[in-house]
């Protein structure tokens, strides 16, 4: 019985993982060179002033990726243009 569950569970887990991994692969925030990017500290200050609670921030090839609670208290993963700080939708 346990063996049949693993046969069903493994493909499901792989499909979910593949979907999550590819969902963020296409986000392009800017084509500007990194020398034109503002610092992520500036973005963090801006977001905190707007009511965000930042958990973690990362720089991707073209975005700042922010893991946070937005001003409404929703847990979000958001992408921001590092030059303008405009939020970029996936």
C-alpha atoms as a PDB file:
ATOM      1  CA  UNK A   1       0.000   0.000   0.000  1.00  0.00           C
ATOM      2  CA  UNK A   2       2.769   2.448   0.900  1.00  0.00           C
ATOM      3  CA  UNK A   3       4.509   1.775  -2.391  1.00  0.00           C
ATOM      4  CA  UNK A   4       1.468   2.854  -4.436  1.00  0.00           C
ATOM      5  CA  UNK A   5       1.334   6.180  -2.573  1.00  0.00           C
ATOM      6  CA  UNK A   6       4.956   6.913  -3.416  1.00  0.00           C
ATOM      7  CA  UNK A   7       4.263   6.212  -7.090  1.00  0.00           C
ATOM      8  CA  UNK A   8       1.552   8.851  -7.044  1.00  0.00           C
ATOM      9  CA  UNK A   9       3.263  11.315  -4.746  1.00  0.00           C
ATOM     10  CA  UNK A  10       6.622  11.591  -6.489  1.00  0.00           C
ATOM     11  CA  UNK A  11       5.294  12.795  -9.872  1.00  0.00           C
ATOM     12  CA  UNK A  12       2.998  15.239  -8.097  1.00  0.00           C
ATOM     13  CA  UNK A  13       5.849  16.690  -6.050  1.00  0.00           C
ATOM     14  CA  UNK A  14       8.055  16.980  -9.112  1.00  0.00           C
ATOM     15  CA  UNK A  15       5.320  18.799 -11.028  1.00  0.00           C
ATOM     16  CA  UNK A  16       4.734  21.255  -8.195  1.00  0.00           C
ATOM     17  CA  UNK A  17       8.458  21.901  -7.785  1.00  0.00           C
ATOM     18  CA  UNK A  18       8.961  22.417 -11.520  1.00  0.00           C
ATOM     19  CA  UNK A  19       6.053  24.848 -11.670  1.00  0.00           C
ATOM     20  CA  UNK A  20       7.351  26.869  -8.732  1.00  0.00           C
ATOM     21  CA  UNK A  21      10.872  26.979 -10.118  1.00  0.00           C
ATOM     22  CA  UNK A  22       9.785  28.167 -13.542  1.00  0.00           C
ATOM     23  CA  UNK A  23       7.253  30.708 -12.252  1.00  0.00           C
ATOM     24  CA  UNK A  24       9.982  33.161 -11.311  1.00  0.00           C
ATOM     25  CA  UNK A  25      12.370  32.481 -14.131  1.00  0.00           C
ATOM     26  CA  UNK A  26      10.708  34.921 -16.529  1.00  0.00           C
ATOM     27  CA  UNK A  27      10.519  38.055 -14.387  1.00  0.00           C
ATOM     28  CA  UNK A  28      12.516  40.874 -15.965  1.00  0.00           C
ATOM     29  CA  UNK A  29      12.567  44.127 -14.023  1.00  0.00           C
ATOM     30  CA  UNK A  30      15.202  46.156 -15.852  1.00  0.00           C
ATOM     31  CA  UNK A  31      17.791  45.925 -18.558  1.00  0.00           C
ATOM     32  CA  UNK A  32      19.888  48.658 -16.944  1.00  0.00           C
ATOM     33  CA  UNK A  33      23.436  47.734 -15.943  1.00  0.00           C
ATOM     34  CA  UNK A  34      24.021  47.021 -12.257  1.00  0.00           C
ATOM     35  CA  UNK A  35      26.077  50.212 -12.024  1.00  0.00           C
ATOM     36  CA  UNK A  36      22.764  52.120 -12.359  1.00  0.00           C
ATOM     37  CA  UNK A  37      20.942  50.148  -9.647  1.00  0.00           C
ATOM     38  CA  UNK A  38      20.046  51.839  -6.370  1.00  0.00           C
ATOM     39  CA  UNK A  39      21.041  49.953  -3.229  1.00  0.00           C
ATOM     40  CA  UNK A  40      18.748  47.365  -1.730  1.00  0.00           C
ATOM     41  CA  UNK A  41      19.066  49.265   1.562  1.00  0.00           C
ATOM     42  CA  UNK A  42      17.296  52.210  -0.098  1.00  0.00           C
ATOM     43  CA  UNK A  43      14.492  49.906  -1.254  1.00  0.00           C
ATOM     44  CA  UNK A  44      14.203  48.403   2.206  1.00  0.00           C
ATOM     45  CA  UNK A  45      13.899  51.873   3.810  1.00  0.00           C
ATOM     46  CA  UNK A  46      11.228  52.863   1.268  1.00  0.00           C
ATOM     47  CA  UNK A  47       9.194  49.697   1.838  1.00  0.00           C
ATOM     48  CA  UNK A  48       9.439  49.853   5.641  1.00  0.00           C
ATOM     49  CA  UNK A  49       8.253  53.486   5.514  1.00  0.00           C
ATOM     50  CA  UNK A  50       5.247  52.251   3.496  1.00  0.00           C
ATOM     51  CA  UNK A  51       4.400  49.621   6.132  1.00  0.00           C
ATOM     52  CA  UNK A  52       6.138  46.535   4.783  1.00  0.00           C
ATOM     53  CA  UNK A  53       7.809  44.039   7.131  1.00  0.00           C
ATOM     54  CA  UNK A  54      10.852  42.680   5.314  1.00  0.00           C
ATOM     55  CA  UNK A  55      11.971  39.107   5.981  1.00  0.00           C
ATOM     56  CA  UNK A  56      14.575  38.755   3.239  1.00  0.00           C
ATOM     57  CA  UNK A  57      15.763  40.486   0.080  1.00  0.00           C
ATOM     58  CA  UNK A  58      17.781  39.071  -2.816  1.00  0.00           C
ATOM     59  CA  UNK A  59      19.163  40.469  -6.041  1.00  0.00           C
ATOM     60  CA  UNK A  60      18.407  38.464  -9.177  1.00  0.00           C
ATOM     61  CA  UNK A  61      19.815  39.172 -12.641  1.00  0.00           C
ATOM     62  CA  UNK A  62      17.403  42.058 -13.183  1.00  0.00           C
ATOM     63  CA  UNK A  63      15.319  42.504 -10.002  1.00  0.00           C
ATOM     64  CA  UNK A  64      15.246  42.892  -6.279  1.00  0.00           C
ATOM     65  CA  UNK A  65      13.216  39.994  -4.925  1.00  0.00           C
ATOM     66  CA  UNK A  66      11.565  40.755  -1.585  1.00  0.00           C
ATOM     67  CA  UNK A  67      10.046  38.268   0.853  1.00  0.00           C
ATOM     68  CA  UNK A  68       7.886  40.251   3.230  1.00  0.00           C
ATOM     69  CA  UNK A  69       4.513  41.112   4.669  1.00  0.00           C
ATOM     70  CA  UNK A  70       2.905  43.892   2.679  1.00  0.00           C
ATOM     71  CA  UNK A  71       1.102  46.810   4.355  1.00  0.00           C
ATOM     72  CA  UNK A  72      -2.105  44.720   4.455  1.00  0.00           C
ATOM     73  CA  UNK A  73      -0.310  41.948   6.371  1.00  0.00           C
ATOM     74  CA  UNK A  74      -0.199  39.511   3.445  1.00  0.00           C
ATOM     75  CA  UNK A  75       2.898  37.369   3.094  1.00  0.00           C
ATOM     76  CA  UNK A  76       4.318  38.099  -0.347  1.00  0.00           C
ATOM     77  CA  UNK A  77       7.222  37.476  -2.646  1.00  0.00           C
ATOM     78  CA  UNK A  78       7.509  40.654  -4.696  1.00  0.00           C
ATOM     79  CA  UNK A  79       9.833  41.838  -7.443  1.00  0.00           C
ATOM     80  CA  UNK A  80      11.046  45.428  -7.758  1.00  0.00           C
ATOM     81  CA  UNK A  81      12.898  47.292 -10.473  1.00  0.00           C
ATOM     82  CA  UNK A  82      16.262  48.160  -8.892  1.00  0.00           C
ATOM     83  CA  UNK A  83      16.490  51.452 -10.759  1.00  0.00           C
ATOM     84  CA  UNK A  84      12.994  52.874 -10.197  1.00  0.00           C
ATOM     85  CA  UNK A  85      11.808  50.682  -7.273  1.00  0.00           C
ATOM     86  CA  UNK A  86       8.557  50.112  -9.190  1.00  0.00           C
ATOM     87  CA  UNK A  87       6.907  46.801  -8.315  1.00  0.00           C
ATOM     88  CA  UNK A  88       7.017  44.350 -11.222  1.00  0.00           C
ATOM     89  CA  UNK A  89       4.275  41.772 -11.572  1.00  0.00           C
ATOM     90  CA  UNK A  90       5.149  38.229 -12.579  1.00  0.00           C
END
